[in-house]
């Protein structure tokens, strides 16, 4: 995409969503890491309901490493896929204790090396907690990027590479939040609100369901 078009898209989305930000509730980089793991295939709203109780019971890697897996599963059950998420959170916590002194590392590669942490999670934590310049591609970023012609990638990693190549490092974190807000509140999967969209001229399917 031409630089001027990309700049127009980001400027218009920035005007529409001036308060675009991470909507997960957290009090530390570790709590953010737990919340992002829970957010897979789950809404931020639901995760925030769960973590409000969860973080009163456990808030540090040591707390989660020592918690019986059955208790953790019970606390996060409503987030879905709770068996896998509980195992990932517990093993990630053990990794932090044994390899990083109980502290969440700021580097992307170190984050990616933690049990149960994929590229999206590592990029979110790196960007939100530590000001990193990666692009986290969740379902909203994936959909919006393809609809706007910023990527034709078939996988989140392909889209991530395309966005990283086009968006300046200092803008990537902001762009990530803008695309999420646009996908969540306007460019929805089933019924995109094209009449409220400030960037319709770049969309691949105006007035109908665009390519997901």
N, C-alpha and C. Protein backbone atom coordinates (compact mmCIF):
# COMPACT_ATOMS: atom_id res chain seq x y z
N UNK A 1 0.83 -1.20 0.00
CA UNK A 1 0.00 0.00 0.00
C UNK A 1 0.87 1.25 0.00
N UNK A 2 0.43 2.28 -0.71
CA UNK A 2 1.18 3.52 -0.74
C UNK A 2 1.23 4.14 0.66
N UNK A 3 2.38 4.78 0.95
CA UNK A 3 2.56 5.38 2.26
C UNK A 3 1.46 6.39 2.59
N UNK A 4 1.06 7.18 1.60
CA UNK A 4 0.03 8.19 1.86
C UNK A 4 -1.29 7.55 2.26
N UNK A 5 -1.63 6.42 1.63
CA UNK A 5 -2.87 5.73 1.98
C UNK A 5 -2.81 5.17 3.39
N UNK A 6 -1.67 4.57 3.73
CA UNK A 6 -1.50 4.04 5.08
C UNK A 6 -1.58 5.16 6.11
N UNK A 7 -0.93 6.28 5.83
CA UNK A 7 -1.00 7.41 6.75
C UNK A 7 -2.43 7.91 6.91
N UNK A 8 -3.19 7.95 5.81
CA UNK A 8 -4.59 8.37 5.88
C UNK A 8 -5.41 7.43 6.75
N UNK A 9 -5.20 6.14 6.57
CA UNK A 9 -5.93 5.15 7.37
C UNK A 9 -5.64 5.35 8.85
N UNK A 10 -4.38 5.45 9.21
CA UNK A 10 -4.01 5.59 10.62
C UNK A 10 -4.51 6.91 11.19
N UNK A 11 -4.41 7.98 10.42
CA UNK A 11 -4.89 9.28 10.89
C UNK A 11 -6.40 9.26 11.15
N UNK A 12 -7.15 8.66 10.23
CA UNK A 12 -8.61 8.63 10.38
C UNK A 12 -9.04 7.73 11.53
N UNK A 13 -8.37 6.60 11.67
CA UNK A 13 -8.69 5.72 12.79
C UNK A 13 -8.31 6.37 14.12
N UNK A 14 -7.22 7.11 14.11
CA UNK A 14 -6.80 7.80 15.32
C UNK A 14 -7.82 8.86 15.73
N UNK A 15 -8.40 9.53 14.73
CA UNK A 15 -9.42 10.53 15.02
C UNK A 15 -10.70 9.88 15.54
N UNK A 16 -11.01 8.69 15.03
CA UNK A 16 -12.25 8.00 15.44
C UNK A 16 -12.09 7.35 16.81
N UNK A 17 -10.88 6.86 17.11
CA UNK A 17 -10.65 6.15 18.37
C UNK A 17 -9.49 6.79 19.14
N UNK A 18 -9.65 8.01 19.61
CA UNK A 18 -8.55 8.68 20.30
C UNK A 18 -8.14 7.99 21.59
N UNK A 19 -9.05 7.20 22.15
CA UNK A 19 -8.77 6.54 23.43
C UNK A 19 -8.46 5.05 23.24
N UNK A 20 -8.11 4.64 22.03
CA UNK A 20 -7.81 3.22 21.79
C UNK A 20 -6.67 2.76 22.70
N UNK A 21 -6.90 1.66 23.40
CA UNK A 21 -5.91 1.18 24.37
C UNK A 21 -6.20 -0.28 24.68
N UNK A 22 -5.32 -0.90 25.43
CA UNK A 22 -5.56 -2.26 25.89
C UNK A 22 -6.69 -2.24 26.90
N UNK A 23 -7.74 -3.02 26.65
CA UNK A 23 -8.91 -3.01 27.53
C UNK A 23 -8.89 -4.11 28.58
N UNK A 24 -7.79 -4.83 28.68
CA UNK A 24 -7.63 -5.80 29.75
C UNK A 24 -7.21 -5.08 31.03
N UNK A 25 -7.77 -5.50 32.16
CA UNK A 25 -7.41 -4.92 33.45
C UNK A 25 -6.23 -5.69 34.03
N UNK A 26 -5.22 -4.96 34.48
CA UNK A 26 -4.04 -5.62 35.07
C UNK A 26 -3.30 -4.63 35.95
N UNK A 27 -2.53 -5.16 36.88
CA UNK A 27 -1.77 -4.31 37.78
C UNK A 27 -0.28 -4.48 37.69
N UNK A 28 0.17 -5.38 36.81
CA UNK A 28 1.60 -5.64 36.65
C UNK A 28 1.81 -6.33 35.31
N UNK A 29 3.04 -6.35 34.80
CA UNK A 29 3.30 -7.09 33.56
C UNK A 29 2.90 -8.56 33.67
N UNK A 30 3.09 -9.15 34.85
CA UNK A 30 2.70 -10.56 35.01
C UNK A 30 1.20 -10.72 34.90
N UNK A 31 0.44 -9.85 35.54
CA UNK A 31 -1.01 -9.94 35.44
C UNK A 31 -1.47 -9.72 34.01
N UNK A 32 -0.81 -8.83 33.29
CA UNK A 32 -1.14 -8.65 31.87
C UNK A 32 -0.89 -9.93 31.11
N UNK A 33 0.23 -10.58 31.37
CA UNK A 33 0.57 -11.83 30.69
C UNK A 33 -0.50 -12.89 30.93
N UNK A 34 -0.94 -13.02 32.16
CA UNK A 34 -2.00 -13.98 32.49
C UNK A 34 -3.29 -13.61 31.75
N UNK A 35 -3.64 -12.33 31.77
CA UNK A 35 -4.88 -11.88 31.14
C UNK A 35 -4.87 -12.13 29.64
N UNK A 36 -3.72 -11.90 29.00
CA UNK A 36 -3.64 -12.12 27.55
C UNK A 36 -3.78 -13.60 27.22
N UNK A 37 -3.19 -14.46 28.02
CA UNK A 37 -3.35 -15.90 27.81
C UNK A 37 -4.83 -16.28 27.94
N UNK A 38 -5.51 -15.71 28.91
CA UNK A 38 -6.93 -16.00 29.10
C UNK A 38 -7.79 -15.45 27.97
N UNK A 39 -7.31 -14.42 27.29
CA UNK A 39 -8.13 -13.74 26.28
C UNK A 39 -8.25 -14.51 24.96
N UNK A 40 -7.47 -15.56 24.78
CA UNK A 40 -7.58 -16.35 23.56
C UNK A 40 -8.98 -16.94 23.43
N UNK A 41 -9.65 -16.67 22.30
CA UNK A 41 -11.00 -17.16 22.07
C UNK A 41 -11.98 -16.70 23.15
N UNK A 42 -11.73 -15.52 23.72
CA UNK A 42 -12.57 -15.00 24.78
C UNK A 42 -12.55 -13.48 24.72
N UNK A 43 -13.63 -12.84 25.14
CA UNK A 43 -13.69 -11.38 25.11
C UNK A 43 -12.92 -10.78 26.28
N UNK A 44 -12.41 -9.57 26.07
CA UNK A 44 -11.73 -8.86 27.16
C UNK A 44 -12.68 -8.62 28.32
N UNK A 45 -13.94 -8.36 28.01
CA UNK A 45 -14.92 -8.12 29.07
C UNK A 45 -15.04 -9.33 30.00
N UNK A 46 -15.12 -10.51 29.42
CA UNK A 46 -15.20 -11.73 30.22
C UNK A 46 -13.92 -11.95 31.01
N UNK A 47 -12.78 -11.73 30.36
CA UNK A 47 -11.50 -11.90 31.05
C UNK A 47 -11.42 -10.98 32.27
N UNK A 48 -11.86 -9.74 32.11
CA UNK A 48 -11.79 -8.79 33.23
C UNK A 48 -12.68 -9.21 34.39
N UNK A 49 -13.82 -9.82 34.07
CA UNK A 49 -14.68 -10.35 35.14
C UNK A 49 -13.97 -11.47 35.89
N UNK A 50 -13.32 -12.34 35.14
CA UNK A 50 -12.62 -13.48 35.74
C UNK A 50 -11.41 -13.03 36.56
N UNK A 51 -10.61 -12.12 35.99
CA UNK A 51 -9.38 -11.73 36.69
C UNK A 51 -9.65 -10.87 37.92
N UNK A 52 -10.81 -10.22 37.96
CA UNK A 52 -11.13 -9.45 39.17
C UNK A 52 -11.12 -10.36 40.39
N UNK A 53 -11.63 -11.57 40.23
CA UNK A 53 -11.61 -12.55 41.33
C UNK A 53 -10.28 -13.28 41.38
N UNK A 54 -9.78 -13.67 40.21
CA UNK A 54 -8.55 -14.47 40.13
C UNK A 54 -7.37 -13.77 40.78
N UNK A 55 -7.18 -12.48 40.50
CA UNK A 55 -6.00 -11.78 40.99
C UNK A 55 -6.10 -11.46 42.48
N UNK A 56 -7.27 -11.62 43.08
CA UNK A 56 -7.37 -11.52 44.53
C UNK A 56 -6.88 -12.81 45.19
N UNK A 57 -7.02 -13.90 44.46
CA UNK A 57 -6.54 -15.19 44.97
C UNK A 57 -5.06 -15.40 44.67
N UNK A 58 -4.61 -14.94 43.50
CA UNK A 58 -3.22 -15.14 43.08
C UNK A 58 -2.81 -13.99 42.16
N UNK A 59 -1.64 -13.44 42.40
CA UNK A 59 -1.22 -12.30 41.58
C UNK A 59 0.25 -12.33 41.19
N UNK A 60 0.99 -13.36 41.61
CA UNK A 60 2.41 -13.47 41.30
C UNK A 60 2.71 -14.84 40.70
N UNK A 61 3.85 -14.98 40.02
CA UNK A 61 4.22 -16.29 39.50
C UNK A 61 4.24 -17.37 40.58
N UNK A 62 4.73 -17.04 41.77
CA UNK A 62 4.78 -18.01 42.86
C UNK A 62 3.37 -18.47 43.24
N UNK A 63 2.45 -17.52 43.31
CA UNK A 63 1.07 -17.87 43.65
C UNK A 63 0.50 -18.88 42.66
N UNK A 64 0.70 -18.63 41.37
CA UNK A 64 0.13 -19.51 40.35
C UNK A 64 0.87 -20.83 40.26
N UNK A 65 2.17 -20.80 40.46
CA UNK A 65 2.95 -22.04 40.41
C UNK A 65 2.53 -23.00 41.52
N UNK A 66 2.15 -22.44 42.67
CA UNK A 66 1.79 -23.27 43.82
C UNK A 66 0.31 -23.63 43.87
N UNK A 67 -0.50 -22.95 43.07
CA UNK A 67 -1.95 -23.21 43.10
C UNK A 67 -2.27 -24.57 42.48
N UNK A 68 -3.10 -25.37 43.12
CA UNK A 68 -3.52 -26.63 42.51
C UNK A 68 -4.18 -26.37 41.16
N UNK A 69 -3.84 -27.17 40.18
CA UNK A 69 -4.34 -26.95 38.82
C UNK A 69 -5.86 -26.99 38.78
N UNK A 70 -6.46 -27.82 39.61
CA UNK A 70 -7.92 -27.93 39.63
C UNK A 70 -8.55 -26.62 40.11
N UNK A 71 -7.93 -25.98 41.06
CA UNK A 71 -8.46 -24.70 41.55
C UNK A 71 -8.35 -23.63 40.48
N UNK A 72 -7.19 -23.61 39.79
CA UNK A 72 -7.00 -22.63 38.73
C UNK A 72 -8.02 -22.84 37.62
N UNK A 73 -8.23 -24.09 37.24
CA UNK A 73 -9.23 -24.39 36.22
C UNK A 73 -10.61 -23.90 36.62
N UNK A 74 -10.97 -24.09 37.87
CA UNK A 74 -12.27 -23.65 38.35
C UNK A 74 -12.42 -22.13 38.28
N UNK A 75 -11.36 -21.42 38.60
CA UNK A 75 -11.39 -19.96 38.62
C UNK A 75 -11.48 -19.35 37.22
N UNK A 76 -10.95 -20.05 36.23
CA UNK A 76 -10.92 -19.48 34.87
C UNK A 76 -11.87 -20.20 33.92
N UNK A 77 -12.68 -21.08 34.42
CA UNK A 77 -13.52 -21.93 33.58
C UNK A 77 -14.33 -21.14 32.55
N UNK A 78 -14.90 -20.01 32.95
CA UNK A 78 -15.80 -19.29 32.05
C UNK A 78 -15.07 -18.61 30.89
N UNK A 79 -13.73 -18.61 30.90
CA UNK A 79 -12.97 -18.05 29.77
C UNK A 79 -12.87 -19.03 28.60
N UNK A 80 -13.26 -20.28 28.83
CA UNK A 80 -13.17 -21.28 27.78
C UNK A 80 -11.77 -21.88 27.68
N UNK A 81 -11.70 -23.10 27.14
CA UNK A 81 -10.42 -23.81 26.97
C UNK A 81 -9.61 -23.78 28.27
N UNK A 82 -10.32 -23.95 29.37
CA UNK A 82 -9.70 -23.71 30.67
C UNK A 82 -8.65 -24.75 31.04
N UNK A 83 -8.74 -25.97 30.51
CA UNK A 83 -7.70 -26.97 30.79
C UNK A 83 -6.36 -26.50 30.24
N UNK A 84 -6.35 -26.13 28.96
CA UNK A 84 -5.10 -25.69 28.33
C UNK A 84 -4.61 -24.38 28.93
N UNK A 85 -5.52 -23.45 29.16
CA UNK A 85 -5.10 -22.15 29.70
C UNK A 85 -4.53 -22.29 31.10
N UNK A 86 -5.14 -23.12 31.92
CA UNK A 86 -4.62 -23.33 33.27
C UNK A 86 -3.22 -23.94 33.22
N UNK A 87 -3.05 -24.93 32.37
CA UNK A 87 -1.74 -25.57 32.24
C UNK A 87 -0.70 -24.57 31.74
N UNK A 88 -1.07 -23.76 30.75
CA UNK A 88 -0.13 -22.78 30.21
C UNK A 88 0.25 -21.73 31.26
N UNK A 89 -0.73 -21.24 32.00
CA UNK A 89 -0.45 -20.23 33.03
C UNK A 89 0.45 -20.80 34.12
N UNK A 90 0.16 -22.00 34.52
CA UNK A 90 0.97 -22.63 35.57
C UNK A 90 2.41 -22.88 35.09
N UNK A 91 2.55 -23.43 33.90
CA UNK A 91 3.89 -23.71 33.38
C UNK A 91 4.65 -22.42 33.07
N UNK A 92 3.94 -21.40 32.58
CA UNK A 92 4.58 -20.11 32.35
C UNK A 92 5.09 -19.53 33.66
N UNK A 93 4.31 -19.65 34.72
CA UNK A 93 4.72 -19.13 36.02
C UNK A 93 5.96 -19.85 36.54
N UNK A 94 5.99 -21.16 36.34
CA UNK A 94 7.17 -21.93 36.74
C UNK A 94 8.38 -21.50 35.93
N UNK A 95 8.20 -21.28 34.64
CA UNK A 95 9.29 -20.78 33.80
C UNK A 95 9.85 -19.46 34.33
N UNK A 96 8.95 -18.54 34.69
CA UNK A 96 9.40 -17.24 35.20
C UNK A 96 10.21 -17.41 36.49
N UNK A 97 9.78 -18.30 37.35
CA UNK A 97 10.48 -18.51 38.62
C UNK A 97 11.84 -19.17 38.42
N UNK A 98 11.91 -20.14 37.53
CA UNK A 98 13.14 -20.91 37.38
C UNK A 98 14.15 -20.26 36.43
N UNK A 99 13.66 -19.45 35.48
CA UNK A 99 14.55 -18.92 34.46
C UNK A 99 14.74 -17.41 34.51
N UNK A 100 13.78 -16.69 35.13
CA UNK A 100 13.85 -15.23 35.11
C UNK A 100 13.68 -14.59 36.48
N UNK A 101 13.91 -15.36 37.53
CA UNK A 101 13.85 -14.81 38.88
C UNK A 101 12.48 -14.30 39.27
N UNK A 102 11.44 -14.83 38.63
CA UNK A 102 10.08 -14.42 38.96
C UNK A 102 9.63 -13.13 38.31
N UNK A 103 10.46 -12.58 37.43
CA UNK A 103 10.13 -11.33 36.74
C UNK A 103 9.79 -11.59 35.27
N UNK A 104 8.83 -10.87 34.76
CA UNK A 104 8.48 -10.98 33.35
C UNK A 104 9.56 -10.27 32.52
N UNK A 105 10.20 -10.98 31.59
CA UNK A 105 11.24 -10.35 30.78
C UNK A 105 10.63 -9.35 29.79
N UNK A 106 11.38 -8.34 29.43
CA UNK A 106 10.87 -7.32 28.51
C UNK A 106 11.14 -7.67 27.05
N UNK A 107 12.10 -8.54 26.80
CA UNK A 107 12.47 -8.88 25.43
C UNK A 107 11.47 -9.82 24.77
N UNK A 108 11.21 -9.60 23.49
CA UNK A 108 10.23 -10.41 22.77
C UNK A 108 10.65 -11.88 22.75
N UNK A 109 11.89 -12.16 22.42
CA UNK A 109 12.34 -13.55 22.32
C UNK A 109 12.25 -14.27 23.67
N UNK A 110 12.57 -13.57 24.74
CA UNK A 110 12.44 -14.18 26.07
C UNK A 110 10.98 -14.46 26.40
N UNK A 111 10.10 -13.52 26.07
CA UNK A 111 8.68 -13.75 26.29
C UNK A 111 8.19 -14.94 25.48
N UNK A 112 8.63 -15.02 24.24
CA UNK A 112 8.20 -16.10 23.35
C UNK A 112 8.69 -17.46 23.84
N UNK A 113 9.76 -17.46 24.62
CA UNK A 113 10.32 -18.73 25.12
C UNK A 113 9.54 -19.30 26.30
N UNK A 114 8.62 -18.52 26.86
CA UNK A 114 7.85 -18.99 28.01
C UNK A 114 6.81 -20.01 27.57
N UNK A 115 6.55 -20.97 28.42
CA UNK A 115 5.55 -22.00 28.13
C UNK A 115 4.20 -21.36 27.86
N UNK A 116 3.56 -21.79 26.77
CA UNK A 116 2.21 -21.32 26.47
C UNK A 116 2.12 -19.92 25.89
N UNK A 117 3.25 -19.29 25.58
CA UNK A 117 3.24 -17.93 25.05
C UNK A 117 3.57 -17.95 23.56
N UNK A 118 2.63 -17.49 22.72
CA UNK A 118 2.84 -17.38 21.29
C UNK A 118 3.18 -15.97 20.89
N UNK A 119 3.26 -15.74 19.59
CA UNK A 119 3.68 -14.44 19.08
C UNK A 119 2.72 -13.32 19.48
N UNK A 120 1.42 -13.59 19.39
CA UNK A 120 0.46 -12.55 19.72
C UNK A 120 0.61 -12.12 21.17
N UNK A 121 0.66 -13.10 22.07
CA UNK A 121 0.79 -12.80 23.49
C UNK A 121 2.09 -12.06 23.78
N UNK A 122 3.18 -12.54 23.20
CA UNK A 122 4.48 -11.90 23.43
C UNK A 122 4.48 -10.47 22.92
N UNK A 123 3.88 -10.24 21.76
CA UNK A 123 3.83 -8.88 21.22
C UNK A 123 2.96 -7.96 22.06
N UNK A 124 1.83 -8.45 22.55
CA UNK A 124 0.97 -7.62 23.39
C UNK A 124 1.70 -7.21 24.67
N UNK A 125 2.30 -8.18 25.34
CA UNK A 125 2.98 -7.88 26.60
C UNK A 125 4.19 -6.97 26.36
N UNK A 126 4.94 -7.27 25.31
CA UNK A 126 6.09 -6.43 24.98
C UNK A 126 5.66 -4.99 24.71
N UNK A 127 4.59 -4.82 23.92
CA UNK A 127 4.15 -3.49 23.54
C UNK A 127 3.48 -2.73 24.66
N UNK A 128 2.53 -3.39 25.35
CA UNK A 128 1.73 -2.70 26.37
C UNK A 128 2.53 -2.48 27.65
N UNK A 129 3.26 -3.50 28.08
CA UNK A 129 3.96 -3.40 29.37
C UNK A 129 5.33 -2.74 29.25
N UNK A 130 5.98 -2.89 28.08
CA UNK A 130 7.36 -2.44 27.98
C UNK A 130 7.64 -1.50 26.80
N UNK A 131 6.59 -1.11 26.07
CA UNK A 131 6.79 -0.17 24.98
C UNK A 131 7.46 -0.75 23.76
N UNK A 132 7.36 -2.06 23.56
CA UNK A 132 7.95 -2.71 22.40
C UNK A 132 7.29 -2.27 21.11
N UNK A 133 7.95 -2.59 19.98
CA UNK A 133 7.45 -2.10 18.69
C UNK A 133 6.97 -3.21 17.77
N UNK A 134 6.53 -4.32 18.36
CA UNK A 134 5.97 -5.40 17.54
C UNK A 134 4.50 -5.13 17.21
N UNK A 135 3.95 -5.97 16.35
CA UNK A 135 2.53 -5.89 15.99
C UNK A 135 1.87 -7.20 16.42
N UNK A 136 0.96 -7.09 17.37
CA UNK A 136 0.22 -8.27 17.82
C UNK A 136 -0.98 -8.47 16.91
N UNK A 137 -1.07 -9.62 16.27
CA UNK A 137 -2.15 -9.89 15.32
C UNK A 137 -3.17 -10.84 15.96
N UNK A 138 -4.26 -10.24 16.46
CA UNK A 138 -5.36 -11.06 16.93
C UNK A 138 -6.42 -11.12 15.83
N UNK A 139 -7.58 -11.63 16.13
CA UNK A 139 -8.61 -11.80 15.10
C UNK A 139 -9.05 -10.46 14.51
N UNK A 140 -9.07 -9.40 15.34
CA UNK A 140 -9.48 -8.09 14.83
C UNK A 140 -8.43 -7.50 13.92
N UNK A 141 -7.18 -7.53 14.34
CA UNK A 141 -6.09 -6.99 13.51
C UNK A 141 -5.99 -7.76 12.21
N UNK A 142 -6.15 -9.07 12.27
CA UNK A 142 -6.10 -9.92 11.08
C UNK A 142 -7.19 -9.52 10.08
N UNK A 143 -8.41 -9.38 10.57
CA UNK A 143 -9.54 -9.06 9.71
C UNK A 143 -9.41 -7.66 9.12
N UNK A 144 -9.15 -6.67 9.96
CA UNK A 144 -9.07 -5.29 9.50
C UNK A 144 -7.93 -5.10 8.51
N UNK A 145 -6.79 -5.70 8.77
CA UNK A 145 -5.64 -5.54 7.88
C UNK A 145 -5.92 -6.10 6.50
N UNK A 146 -6.59 -7.21 6.43
CA UNK A 146 -6.91 -7.82 5.14
C UNK A 146 -8.00 -7.05 4.42
N UNK A 147 -9.00 -6.58 5.14
CA UNK A 147 -10.07 -5.81 4.50
C UNK A 147 -9.56 -4.49 3.94
N UNK A 148 -8.60 -3.90 4.60
CA UNK A 148 -8.08 -2.61 4.16
C UNK A 148 -6.94 -2.73 3.16
N UNK A 149 -6.61 -3.94 2.77
CA UNK A 149 -5.56 -4.13 1.78
C UNK A 149 -4.15 -3.94 2.30
N UNK A 150 -4.00 -3.96 3.62
CA UNK A 150 -2.66 -3.85 4.21
C UNK A 150 -1.92 -5.17 4.16
N UNK A 151 -2.65 -6.24 3.98
CA UNK A 151 -2.04 -7.57 3.90
C UNK A 151 -3.00 -8.53 3.21
N UNK A 152 -2.43 -9.47 2.49
CA UNK A 152 -3.21 -10.57 1.94
C UNK A 152 -2.77 -11.88 2.59
N UNK A 153 -2.06 -11.76 3.70
CA UNK A 153 -1.54 -12.93 4.38
C UNK A 153 -2.62 -13.90 4.82
N UNK A 154 -2.30 -15.17 4.77
CA UNK A 154 -3.25 -16.21 5.13
C UNK A 154 -3.14 -16.62 6.60
N UNK A 155 -2.08 -16.21 7.26
CA UNK A 155 -1.87 -16.56 8.66
C UNK A 155 -1.57 -15.29 9.46
N UNK A 156 -1.80 -15.32 10.78
CA UNK A 156 -1.45 -14.15 11.59
C UNK A 156 0.00 -13.73 11.45
N UNK A 157 0.91 -14.70 11.33
CA UNK A 157 2.32 -14.35 11.18
C UNK A 157 2.59 -13.65 9.86
N UNK A 158 1.91 -14.09 8.79
CA UNK A 158 2.07 -13.41 7.50
C UNK A 158 1.59 -11.97 7.59
N UNK A 159 0.45 -11.77 8.25
CA UNK A 159 -0.08 -10.41 8.41
C UNK A 159 0.86 -9.58 9.28
N UNK A 160 1.37 -10.18 10.32
CA UNK A 160 2.33 -9.48 11.19
C UNK A 160 3.53 -8.99 10.39
N UNK A 161 4.07 -9.85 9.54
CA UNK A 161 5.24 -9.46 8.74
C UNK A 161 4.89 -8.32 7.78
N UNK A 162 3.71 -8.39 7.18
CA UNK A 162 3.31 -7.32 6.25
C UNK A 162 3.15 -5.99 6.97
N UNK A 163 2.50 -6.01 8.13
CA UNK A 163 2.29 -4.78 8.88
C UNK A 163 3.61 -4.21 9.39
N UNK A 164 4.48 -5.08 9.86
CA UNK A 164 5.78 -4.63 10.37
C UNK A 164 6.60 -3.97 9.27
N UNK A 165 6.47 -4.47 8.06
CA UNK A 165 7.23 -3.91 6.94
C UNK A 165 6.71 -2.53 6.53
N UNK A 166 5.44 -2.26 6.80
CA UNK A 166 4.82 -1.01 6.33
C UNK A 166 4.71 0.08 7.38
N UNK A 167 4.58 -0.32 8.65
CA UNK A 167 4.32 0.65 9.71
C UNK A 167 5.61 0.95 10.47
N UNK A 168 5.90 2.22 10.65
CA UNK A 168 7.11 2.63 11.35
C UNK A 168 7.09 2.11 12.79
N UNK A 169 8.27 1.74 13.31
CA UNK A 169 8.32 1.16 14.66
C UNK A 169 7.60 1.98 15.72
N UNK A 170 7.73 3.30 15.68
CA UNK A 170 7.12 4.13 16.71
C UNK A 170 5.61 4.19 16.61
N UNK A 171 5.04 3.72 15.49
CA UNK A 171 3.59 3.75 15.29
C UNK A 171 2.93 2.38 15.46
N UNK A 172 3.73 1.33 15.59
CA UNK A 172 3.15 -0.02 15.57
C UNK A 172 2.25 -0.29 16.77
N UNK A 173 2.67 0.12 17.94
CA UNK A 173 1.85 -0.12 19.12
C UNK A 173 0.52 0.61 19.01
N UNK A 174 0.56 1.86 18.55
CA UNK A 174 -0.65 2.63 18.37
C UNK A 174 -1.54 2.01 17.30
N UNK A 175 -0.94 1.61 16.18
CA UNK A 175 -1.71 0.99 15.10
C UNK A 175 -2.39 -0.28 15.57
N UNK A 176 -1.70 -1.06 16.36
CA UNK A 176 -2.27 -2.30 16.91
C UNK A 176 -3.57 -2.02 17.65
N UNK A 177 -3.57 -1.01 18.52
CA UNK A 177 -4.78 -0.68 19.29
C UNK A 177 -5.87 -0.08 18.40
N UNK A 178 -5.48 0.71 17.41
CA UNK A 178 -6.47 1.29 16.50
C UNK A 178 -7.18 0.20 15.70
N UNK A 179 -6.43 -0.77 15.20
CA UNK A 179 -7.04 -1.85 14.42
C UNK A 179 -7.95 -2.71 15.30
N UNK A 180 -7.54 -2.93 16.54
CA UNK A 180 -8.39 -3.71 17.46
C UNK A 180 -9.70 -2.97 17.71
N UNK A 181 -9.62 -1.70 18.03
CA UNK A 181 -10.85 -0.94 18.29
C UNK A 181 -11.74 -0.89 17.05
N UNK A 182 -11.14 -0.72 15.88
CA UNK A 182 -11.94 -0.66 14.66
C UNK A 182 -12.61 -2.00 14.40
N UNK A 183 -11.90 -3.09 14.59
CA UNK A 183 -12.48 -4.41 14.39
C UNK A 183 -13.52 -4.76 15.43
N UNK A 184 -13.32 -4.29 16.63
CA UNK A 184 -14.24 -4.62 17.73
C UNK A 184 -15.52 -3.80 17.67
N UNK A 185 -15.41 -2.53 17.28
CA UNK A 185 -16.55 -1.63 17.40
C UNK A 185 -17.15 -1.16 16.07
N UNK A 186 -16.51 -1.45 14.95
CA UNK A 186 -17.05 -1.00 13.66
C UNK A 186 -16.91 -2.08 12.59
N UNK A 187 -15.69 -2.49 12.30
CA UNK A 187 -15.44 -3.45 11.23
C UNK A 187 -15.58 -4.88 11.75
N UNK A 188 -16.81 -5.19 12.16
CA UNK A 188 -17.08 -6.47 12.79
C UNK A 188 -17.09 -7.60 11.77
N UNK A 189 -16.94 -8.81 12.27
CA UNK A 189 -16.83 -9.96 11.38
C UNK A 189 -18.13 -10.21 10.61
N UNK A 190 -19.24 -10.27 11.31
CA UNK A 190 -20.50 -10.66 10.68
C UNK A 190 -21.27 -9.49 10.09
N UNK A 191 -21.31 -8.37 10.80
CA UNK A 191 -22.08 -7.22 10.33
C UNK A 191 -21.26 -5.95 10.46
N UNK A 192 -20.30 -5.75 9.55
CA UNK A 192 -19.49 -4.53 9.61
C UNK A 192 -20.34 -3.29 9.45
N UNK A 193 -20.11 -2.29 10.26
CA UNK A 193 -20.89 -1.05 10.23
C UNK A 193 -20.25 -0.07 9.24
N UNK A 194 -20.40 -0.38 7.99
CA UNK A 194 -19.73 0.39 6.94
C UNK A 194 -20.15 1.86 6.94
N UNK A 195 -21.39 2.14 7.33
CA UNK A 195 -21.86 3.51 7.36
C UNK A 195 -21.16 4.38 8.38
N UNK A 196 -20.54 3.74 9.38
CA UNK A 196 -19.82 4.48 10.42
C UNK A 196 -18.31 4.42 10.24
N UNK A 197 -17.85 3.86 9.13
CA UNK A 197 -16.42 3.63 8.93
C UNK A 197 -15.76 4.82 8.24
N UNK A 198 -14.64 5.33 8.79
CA UNK A 198 -13.96 6.46 8.17
C UNK A 198 -12.99 6.08 7.07
N UNK A 199 -12.83 4.77 6.82
CA UNK A 199 -11.83 4.33 5.83
C UNK A 199 -12.45 3.40 4.79
N UNK A 200 -13.73 3.62 4.46
CA UNK A 200 -14.42 2.72 3.53
C UNK A 200 -13.77 2.68 2.15
N UNK A 201 -13.14 3.77 1.74
CA UNK A 201 -12.55 3.79 0.39
C UNK A 201 -11.43 2.78 0.22
N UNK A 202 -10.91 2.26 1.33
CA UNK A 202 -9.82 1.28 1.26
C UNK A 202 -10.32 -0.15 1.46
N UNK A 203 -11.61 -0.31 1.70
CA UNK A 203 -12.14 -1.62 2.03
C UNK A 203 -12.34 -2.49 0.81
N UNK A 204 -12.10 -3.78 0.96
CA UNK A 204 -12.20 -4.71 -0.16
C UNK A 204 -13.64 -5.09 -0.48
N UNK A 205 -14.58 -4.80 0.42
CA UNK A 205 -15.95 -5.25 0.21
C UNK A 205 -16.93 -4.28 0.86
N UNK A 206 -17.09 -3.13 0.26
CA UNK A 206 -17.99 -2.13 0.79
C UNK A 206 -19.44 -2.62 0.75
N UNK A 207 -20.12 -2.43 1.89
CA UNK A 207 -21.55 -2.71 1.94
C UNK A 207 -21.91 -4.14 2.17
N UNK A 208 -20.94 -5.01 2.27
CA UNK A 208 -21.24 -6.40 2.52
C UNK A 208 -20.21 -6.98 3.44
N UNK A 209 -20.25 -8.26 3.63
CA UNK A 209 -19.29 -8.89 4.51
C UNK A 209 -17.96 -8.99 3.79
N UNK A 210 -16.98 -8.31 4.31
CA UNK A 210 -15.66 -8.33 3.67
C UNK A 210 -14.91 -9.60 4.03
N UNK A 211 -13.81 -9.77 3.35
CA UNK A 211 -13.01 -10.98 3.55
C UNK A 211 -12.45 -11.04 4.94
N UNK A 212 -12.64 -12.16 5.67
CA UNK A 212 -12.14 -12.30 7.03
C UNK A 212 -10.75 -12.91 7.04
